[in-house]
Amino acid sequence: MQLITSILFPLLLVTCNGADVADYAGSGPAFVLEGERLFVACRVVAFSQIKWHLNGRPVPPDGAEFAVSTVEADGYLQSNLTVARARHEHSGRYRCTSFVDNWYTVQVLSADMIKTNADDTNGLVVLDGKDDLMLECNATQVDGGNVSWFKSTEGAPRQPIKADKRIVVEQGKLTIKGPREEDAGNYTCVFATRAISGQDLEETLHVVTNVTVRHVAKSINKQEDEDLSIKCRVFGKPTPTITWTKNGEDVFKISNSSTRLSLGANDDGVPEAKLVLKGLIRPDDSGDYCCHAENIANAAHDCILVRVKDKYAALWPFIGIVAEVVLLTAIIYIYEKKKSKPDMDDSDTDHGNDRPESKGDVRQRK
């Protein structure tokens, strides 16, 4: 038996590859990414018995996980073991025959092996602008020495990050001193494992800023039939999604909104942050108009009170003043007229009492 073993050992060739990975011969570790195809090939002399083992335990017969195929050619047996979608439990030492003690080690790598300082927040880092921004990535089971950092923003491809006075790159640690709003974005740490697994391992951290919303004023007065335009000032990265309400209901429930209401970008280019309502109707269009903004960091809103007045409202004060003047003039006129009539009566009475004395009386006096 020892003689047979010594003959077979040099003839055992084991290879393993994942998707788009070159074959590996001999002993030593091979890496496969989780979810990719795992393939182990074993070639032995024809009179050997093929029986696959994983970590010393027999591999289950063909089924949902393992598929084994064996062919004979040129005096050798070629046996292939395949796993369509590798999982972590498929890691270990594979052997196709018990005649020789020659194993082939396969390690299934997963993105879960990369640990970041944002794992507890689902990869989300909120930029507050007060403290330095620190991002960390650590990999287990693979050499994490060669790490590259990339950044991408909305609608733009990712670009490599280069160190400067503000940015310090120390392998799996990235520090940005005095962070600003433009530093928000998607930061990806990439571990160079392509040489051993055919694909680099990477993890992305989302650096965002909280949403804030505010209007220029708290209230606005408009006249009936005028057009209303409200610009919502929104801040936050990534760019928030905007919705509008009027008195707590969807703004599109406004009467004839399909022809009168439109939403567009504000001066900062934020989509749907500008509301335009044509031909205001009184009193239906009066109310609280609220701008709601939300991104993956948080949500915020701000409201403005819109008052729609009668288009003749400006005339009412003038008409009131004129009415007061007319009424006051009439009162004064009537009062003066009534006052002058008794004076005339008194004047007639006084003239009657001043009649001259008769001449007869004068003669008697003498």
Protein backbone atom coordinates (compact mmCIF):
# COMPACT_ATOMS: atom_id res chain seq x y z
CA MET A 1 0.00 0.00 0.00
CA GLN A 2 2.82 2.42 0.79
CA LEU A 3 4.29 1.68 -2.62
CA ILE A 4 0.95 2.44 -4.32
CA THR A 5 0.60 5.63 -2.36
CA SER A 6 4.07 6.76 -3.29
CA ILE A 7 3.19 6.20 -6.95
CA LEU A 8 -0.16 8.00 -6.83
CA PHE A 9 0.91 11.07 -4.89
CA PRO A 10 2.83 12.75 -7.72
CA LEU A 11 -0.11 12.13 -10.04
CA LEU A 12 -2.68 14.02 -7.94
CA LEU A 13 -3.48 17.42 -9.35
CA VAL A 14 -6.12 19.61 -7.73
CA THR A 15 -7.27 22.94 -9.11
CA CYS A 16 -9.81 25.44 -7.92
CA ASN A 17 -11.25 28.51 -9.46
CA GLY A 18 -14.15 30.92 -9.02
CA ALA A 19 -15.76 33.04 -11.69
CA ASP A 20 -13.13 34.34 -14.13
CA VAL A 21 -10.27 32.97 -11.97
CA ALA A 22 -7.23 31.11 -13.35
CA ASP A 23 -6.65 27.49 -12.28
CA TYR A 24 -4.50 26.81 -9.24
CA ALA A 25 -2.36 23.69 -9.05
CA GLY A 26 -0.93 21.93 -6.02
CA SER A 27 -1.60 22.80 -2.40
CA GLY A 28 -2.21 26.19 -0.90
CA PRO A 29 -5.27 28.42 -0.43
CA ALA A 30 -7.61 29.51 -3.19
CA PHE A 31 -10.19 32.24 -2.76
CA VAL A 32 -13.74 32.43 -4.12
CA LEU A 33 -16.16 35.30 -3.61
CA GLU A 34 -19.43 34.49 -1.91
CA GLY A 35 -22.16 33.87 -4.46
CA GLU A 36 -19.69 32.98 -7.20
CA ARG A 37 -19.01 29.54 -8.71
CA LEU A 38 -16.69 27.22 -6.77
CA PHE A 39 -14.89 24.58 -8.85
CA VAL A 40 -12.43 21.88 -7.72
CA ALA A 41 -10.86 19.46 -10.21
CA CYS A 42 -9.07 16.29 -9.24
CA ARG A 43 -7.05 14.05 -11.59
CA VAL A 44 -5.86 10.60 -10.42
CA VAL A 45 -4.94 7.25 -11.97
CA ALA A 46 -7.86 5.24 -13.31
CA PHE A 47 -7.94 2.49 -10.65
CA SER A 48 -8.41 5.05 -7.83
CA GLN A 49 -11.75 5.38 -6.07
CA ILE A 50 -13.30 8.85 -6.29
CA LYS A 51 -14.89 9.94 -3.05
CA TRP A 52 -15.00 13.65 -2.21
CA HIS A 53 -14.50 14.94 1.32
CA LEU A 54 -14.79 18.43 2.79
CA ASN A 55 -12.96 18.96 6.07
CA GLY A 56 -12.77 15.20 6.56
CA ARG A 57 -16.48 14.59 6.03
CA PRO A 58 -17.97 12.97 2.93
CA VAL A 59 -19.48 15.41 0.48
CA PRO A 60 -23.22 14.74 0.04
CA PRO A 61 -24.25 13.11 -3.25
CA ASP A 62 -25.32 15.26 -6.17
CA GLY A 63 -27.99 17.61 -5.00
CA ALA A 64 -28.86 21.26 -4.55
CA GLU A 65 -25.36 22.28 -3.44
CA PHE A 66 -22.66 19.96 -4.77
CA ALA A 67 -22.44 18.58 -8.30
CA VAL A 68 -19.81 15.91 -9.04
CA SER A 69 -18.88 14.58 -12.47
CA THR A 70 -16.15 12.01 -13.26
CA VAL A 71 -14.74 10.93 -16.62
CA GLU A 72 -11.94 8.53 -17.60
CA ALA A 73 -9.41 9.43 -20.26
CA ASP A 74 -5.87 8.25 -21.06
CA GLY A 75 -5.72 6.07 -17.98
CA TYR A 76 -6.75 8.82 -15.57
CA LEU A 77 -9.92 9.81 -13.78
CA GLN A 78 -10.91 13.45 -14.00
CA SER A 79 -13.39 14.36 -11.27
CA ASN A 80 -14.93 17.80 -10.98
CA LEU A 81 -16.80 19.16 -7.96
CA THR A 82 -18.90 22.29 -8.47
CA VAL A 83 -20.90 24.58 -6.22
CA ALA A 84 -23.03 27.01 -8.23
CA ARG A 85 -23.20 29.71 -5.53
CA ALA A 86 -20.51 29.46 -2.89
CA ARG A 87 -21.27 30.24 0.74
CA HIS A 88 -19.07 30.64 3.77
CA GLU A 89 -19.74 27.06 4.92
CA HIS A 90 -18.18 25.81 1.69
CA SER A 91 -14.79 26.98 2.90
CA GLY A 92 -12.34 24.28 3.92
CA ARG A 93 -10.09 21.43 2.70
CA TYR A 94 -11.24 19.37 -0.27
CA ARG A 95 -10.00 15.87 -1.16
CA CYS A 96 -11.23 13.61 -3.97
CA THR A 97 -9.72 10.24 -2.87
CA SER A 98 -8.64 8.57 0.31
CA PHE A 99 -5.60 6.98 -1.31
CA VAL A 100 -3.46 10.06 -0.68
CA ASP A 101 -3.42 12.65 2.04
CA ASN A 102 -3.34 15.64 -0.29
CA TRP A 103 -5.90 18.39 0.35
CA TYR A 104 -6.78 21.57 -1.43
CA THR A 105 -7.91 24.54 0.65
CA VAL A 106 -10.65 26.84 -0.55
CA GLN A 107 -11.71 29.99 1.26
CA VAL A 108 -15.01 31.70 0.43
CA LEU A 109 -14.70 35.46 0.84
CA SER A 110 -17.61 37.71 1.65
CA ALA A 111 -18.10 41.45 1.69
CA ASP A 112 -19.17 40.99 5.30
CA MET A 113 -15.52 40.46 6.12
CA ILE A 114 -15.00 44.19 5.68
CA LYS A 115 -15.83 46.00 8.89
CA THR A 116 -16.32 49.75 8.96
CA ASN A 117 -16.90 52.38 11.61
CA ALA A 118 -20.40 52.86 10.14
CA ASP A 119 -21.65 49.27 10.37
CA ASP A 120 -24.03 50.20 13.20
CA THR A 121 -25.70 52.84 10.99
CA ASN A 122 -25.93 50.75 7.80
CA GLY A 123 -22.94 52.49 6.28
CA LEU A 124 -24.33 55.98 6.92
CA VAL A 125 -22.11 58.78 8.27
CA VAL A 126 -23.70 62.18 9.01
CA LEU A 127 -21.41 65.14 8.41
CA ASP A 128 -21.86 67.74 11.13
CA GLY A 129 -19.06 70.11 10.06
CA LYS A 130 -17.67 70.32 13.58
CA ASP A 131 -15.36 67.30 13.92
CA ASP A 132 -12.94 65.79 11.43
CA LEU A 133 -14.47 63.15 9.17
CA MET A 134 -12.98 59.71 9.86
CA LEU A 135 -13.77 56.62 7.77
CA GLU A 136 -12.34 53.19 8.56
CA CYS A 137 -12.36 49.84 6.74
CA ASN A 138 -10.82 46.65 8.14
CA ALA A 139 -10.77 43.28 6.38
CA THR A 140 -10.48 39.89 8.04
CA GLN A 141 -9.07 36.67 6.54
CA VAL A 142 -7.28 38.57 3.75
CA ASP A 143 -4.32 40.89 3.67
CA GLY A 144 -5.79 44.36 4.05
CA GLY A 145 -2.52 46.19 3.55
CA ASN A 146 -3.18 47.35 -0.01
CA VAL A 147 -6.31 49.52 0.26
CA SER A 148 -7.44 52.24 -2.16
CA TRP A 149 -10.10 54.90 -1.55
CA PHE A 150 -12.56 56.29 -4.08
CA LYS A 151 -15.29 58.94 -3.95
CA SER A 152 -18.39 59.40 -6.09
CA THR A 153 -21.14 62.00 -6.05
CA GLU A 154 -24.61 62.14 -7.55
CA GLY A 155 -24.56 61.38 -11.24
CA ALA A 156 -20.76 61.20 -11.49
CA PRO A 157 -18.36 58.22 -11.69
CA ARG A 158 -16.14 57.51 -8.74
CA GLN A 159 -12.68 59.02 -8.66
CA PRO A 160 -9.58 57.97 -6.70
CA ILE A 161 -8.90 60.01 -3.58
CA LYS A 162 -5.52 61.65 -3.34
CA ALA A 163 -3.97 62.80 -0.10
CA ASP A 164 -3.39 66.52 0.47
CA LYS A 165 -3.30 68.99 3.35
CA ARG A 166 -6.90 68.22 4.31
CA ILE A 167 -7.06 64.54 3.37
CA VAL A 168 -4.96 61.89 5.12
CA VAL A 169 -4.99 58.35 3.71
CA GLU A 170 -3.57 55.59 5.91
CA GLN A 171 -4.48 52.31 4.20
CA GLY A 172 -7.84 51.39 5.70
CA LYS A 173 -8.33 54.78 7.38
CA LEU A 174 -9.35 58.02 5.68
CA THR A 175 -9.41 61.36 7.53
CA ILE A 176 -10.74 64.68 6.17
CA LYS A 177 -9.86 67.69 8.28
CA GLY A 178 -12.38 70.51 8.57
CA PRO A 179 -15.04 68.80 6.44
CA ARG A 180 -17.37 70.91 4.32
CA GLU A 181 -20.73 70.21 2.68
CA GLU A 182 -19.04 69.38 -0.62
CA ASP A 183 -17.19 66.55 1.14
CA ALA A 184 -20.46 64.59 1.29
CA GLY A 185 -20.65 61.65 -1.09
CA ASN A 186 -20.07 57.91 -1.41
CA TYR A 187 -16.66 56.73 -0.20
CA THR A 188 -15.50 53.26 -1.23
CA CYS A 189 -12.58 51.33 0.25
CA VAL A 190 -11.20 48.72 -2.15
CA PHE A 191 -9.03 45.79 -1.04
CA ALA A 192 -6.74 44.43 -3.76
CA THR A 193 -7.72 40.75 -3.72
CA ARG A 194 -8.09 40.34 -7.51
CA ALA A 195 -4.87 38.35 -7.77
CA ILE A 196 -6.20 35.63 -5.48
CA SER A 197 -9.97 35.79 -5.99
CA GLY A 198 -10.40 37.37 -9.40
CA GLN A 199 -12.25 40.32 -7.93
CA ASP A 200 -11.44 43.11 -5.49
CA LEU A 201 -13.35 43.33 -2.23
CA GLU A 202 -14.92 46.67 -1.50
CA GLU A 203 -17.30 48.45 0.85
CA THR A 204 -19.06 51.80 0.46
CA LEU A 205 -19.77 54.36 3.18
CA HIS A 206 -22.36 57.06 2.55
CA VAL A 207 -21.37 60.46 3.94
CA VAL A 208 -24.43 62.73 4.07
CA THR A 209 -25.58 66.03 5.57
CA ASN A 210 -28.85 66.64 7.38
CA VAL A 211 -31.71 68.30 5.51
CA THR A 212 -32.77 71.84 6.40
CA VAL A 213 -35.69 73.73 4.87
CA ARG A 214 -36.72 77.36 5.11
CA HIS A 215 -38.80 79.96 3.25
CA VAL A 216 -37.90 83.59 2.67
CA ALA A 217 -40.94 84.74 4.68
CA LYS A 218 -43.49 83.25 7.04
CA SER A 219 -46.50 84.66 5.19
CA ILE A 220 -47.44 86.24 1.88
CA ASN A 221 -50.43 88.30 0.74
CA LYS A 222 -51.77 87.98 -2.79
CA GLN A 223 -54.83 89.26 -4.62
CA GLU A 224 -57.44 87.20 -6.35
CA ASP A 225 -56.53 86.21 -9.95
CA GLU A 226 -52.82 86.85 -9.34
CA ASP A 227 -50.18 84.11 -9.73
CA LEU A 228 -48.47 82.60 -6.68
CA SER A 229 -44.78 81.60 -6.72
CA ILE A 230 -43.10 80.00 -3.68
CA LYS A 231 -39.43 79.02 -3.63
CA CYS A 232 -38.37 76.50 -1.01
CA ARG A 233 -34.76 76.84 0.12
CA VAL A 234 -33.43 73.32 0.73
CA PHE A 235 -30.02 72.19 1.95
CA GLY A 236 -28.70 68.65 2.29
CA LYS A 237 -26.58 65.99 0.61
CA PRO A 238 -27.59 63.88 -1.19
CA THR A 239 -30.12 66.18 -2.81
CA PRO A 240 -33.42 65.76 -0.93
CA THR A 241 -36.69 64.65 -2.48
CA ILE A 242 -39.31 67.43 -2.33
CA THR A 243 -43.08 67.14 -1.79
CA TRP A 244 -45.68 69.86 -1.12
CA THR A 245 -48.82 69.99 0.99
CA LYS A 246 -51.56 72.58 1.53
CA ASN A 247 -53.28 72.51 4.90
CA GLY A 248 -51.87 69.02 5.47
CA GLU A 249 -53.08 67.51 2.19
CA ASP A 250 -51.35 66.80 -1.09
CA VAL A 251 -50.98 70.07 -2.98
CA PHE A 252 -52.31 68.45 -6.15
CA LYS A 253 -55.75 68.24 -4.52
CA ILE A 254 -56.10 71.97 -5.17
CA SER A 255 -59.00 72.80 -7.46
CA ASN A 256 -57.99 72.53 -11.15
CA SER A 257 -54.40 71.78 -10.12
CA SER A 258 -53.68 70.01 -13.42
CA THR A 259 -53.92 73.32 -15.30
CA ARG A 260 -52.97 75.83 -12.60
CA LEU A 261 -50.25 74.12 -10.56
CA SER A 262 -46.66 73.34 -11.58
CA LEU A 263 -43.48 72.37 -9.73
CA GLY A 264 -39.96 73.20 -10.88
CA ALA A 265 -36.38 73.62 -9.72
CA ASN A 266 -35.44 76.47 -7.41
CA ASP A 267 -32.47 78.82 -7.88
CA ASP A 268 -30.11 76.14 -6.48
CA GLY A 269 -31.31 73.56 -8.98
CA VAL A 270 -33.19 71.40 -6.47
CA PRO A 271 -35.99 69.64 -8.39
CA GLU A 272 -39.62 70.49 -7.49
CA ALA A 273 -38.54 73.06 -4.90
CA LYS A 274 -40.47 75.85 -6.63
CA LEU A 275 -44.28 75.96 -6.61
CA VAL A 276 -46.28 78.08 -9.07
CA LEU A 277 -50.09 78.42 -8.83
CA LYS A 278 -51.83 80.50 -11.48
CA GLY A 279 -55.05 82.48 -11.14
CA LEU A 280 -55.55 82.45 -7.38
CA ILE A 281 -59.08 81.75 -6.23
CA ARG A 282 -60.48 83.32 -3.07
CA PRO A 283 -60.83 81.84 -0.50
CA ASP A 284 -60.01 78.33 -1.75
CA ASP A 285 -56.30 78.94 -2.37
CA SER A 286 -55.63 80.53 1.02
CA GLY A 287 -53.84 78.35 3.57
CA ASP A 288 -50.55 76.90 4.81
CA TYR A 289 -48.27 75.71 2.00
CA CYS A 290 -45.57 73.36 3.33
CA CYS A 291 -42.38 72.20 1.62
CA HIS A 292 -41.24 68.72 2.76
CA ALA A 293 -37.68 67.55 2.06
CA GLU A 294 -36.14 64.14 2.77
CA ASN A 295 -32.93 62.23 2.07
CA ILE A 296 -31.35 59.14 3.63
CA ALA A 297 -30.16 61.21 6.60
CA ASN A 298 -33.38 62.82 7.82
CA ALA A 299 -36.50 64.76 6.87
CA ALA A 300 -37.54 68.37 7.47
CA HIS A 301 -40.24 70.82 6.41
CA ASP A 302 -41.23 74.49 6.57
CA CYS A 303 -44.53 76.26 5.90
CA ILE A 304 -45.66 79.64 4.60
CA LEU A 305 -49.11 81.18 5.13
CA VAL A 306 -50.75 82.43 1.93
CA ARG A 307 -53.61 84.94 2.16
CA VAL A 308 -55.70 85.55 -0.95
CA LYS A 309 -57.56 88.88 -0.80
CA ASP A 310 -60.39 90.30 -2.86
CA LYS A 311 -58.99 92.09 -5.91
CA TYR A 312 -61.04 95.16 -4.92
CA ALA A 313 -59.78 95.04 -1.37
CA ALA A 314 -57.53 98.06 -1.96
CA LEU A 315 -60.55 100.19 -2.86
CA TRP A 316 -62.50 99.48 0.29
CA PRO A 317 -60.45 101.78 2.56
CA PHE A 318 -60.82 104.63 0.05
CA ILE A 319 -64.54 104.02 -0.30
CA GLY A 320 -64.83 103.97 3.48
CA ILE A 321 -63.03 107.30 3.80
CA VAL A 322 -65.21 108.88 1.13
CA ALA A 323 -68.32 107.54 2.84
CA GLU A 324 -67.17 108.95 6.16
CA VAL A 325 -66.52 112.37 4.61
CA VAL A 326 -69.91 112.41 2.89
CA LEU A 327 -71.68 111.32 6.04
CA LEU A 328 -69.84 113.84 8.18
CA THR A 329 -70.57 116.62 5.71
CA ALA A 330 -74.24 115.71 5.66
CA ILE A 331 -74.41 115.70 9.45
CA ILE A 332 -72.73 119.07 9.68
CA TYR A 333 -74.98 120.51 6.99
CA ILE A 334 -78.16 119.29 8.68
CA TYR A 335 -76.96 120.49 12.05
CA GLU A 336 -76.12 123.95 10.79
CA LYS A 337 -79.40 124.20 8.97
CA LYS A 338 -81.39 123.33 12.07
CA LYS A 339 -79.37 125.76 14.16
CA SER A 340 -79.91 128.71 11.86
CA LYS A 341 -83.78 128.43 11.87
CA PRO A 342 -84.36 129.26 15.61
CA ASP A 343 -82.06 132.27 15.29
CA MET A 344 -84.24 133.68 12.57
CA ASP A 345 -87.37 133.26 14.75
CA ASP A 346 -85.77 135.11 17.67
CA SER A 347 -84.78 137.93 15.38
CA ASP A 348 -88.42 138.51 14.30
CA THR A 349 -89.61 138.68 17.95
CA ASP A 350 -87.04 141.27 18.94
CA HIS A 351 -88.06 143.62 16.12
CA GLY A 352 -91.72 143.53 17.30
CA ASN A 353 -90.88 144.71 20.84
CA ASP A 354 -88.92 147.71 19.61
CA ARG A 355 -91.98 149.63 18.23
CA PRO A 356 -91.69 153.49 18.64
CA GLU A 357 -93.81 155.24 21.31
CA SER A 358 -96.88 157.14 20.17
CA LYS A 359 -96.79 160.94 20.03
CA GLY A 360 -99.73 161.15 22.42
CA ASP A 361 -97.74 159.67 25.17
CA VAL A 362 -95.02 162.22 24.58
CA ARG A 363 -97.40 165.06 25.01
CA GLN A 364 -98.70 163.79 28.30
CA ARG A 365 -95.17 163.76 29.61
CA LYS A 366 -94.78 167.36 29.05
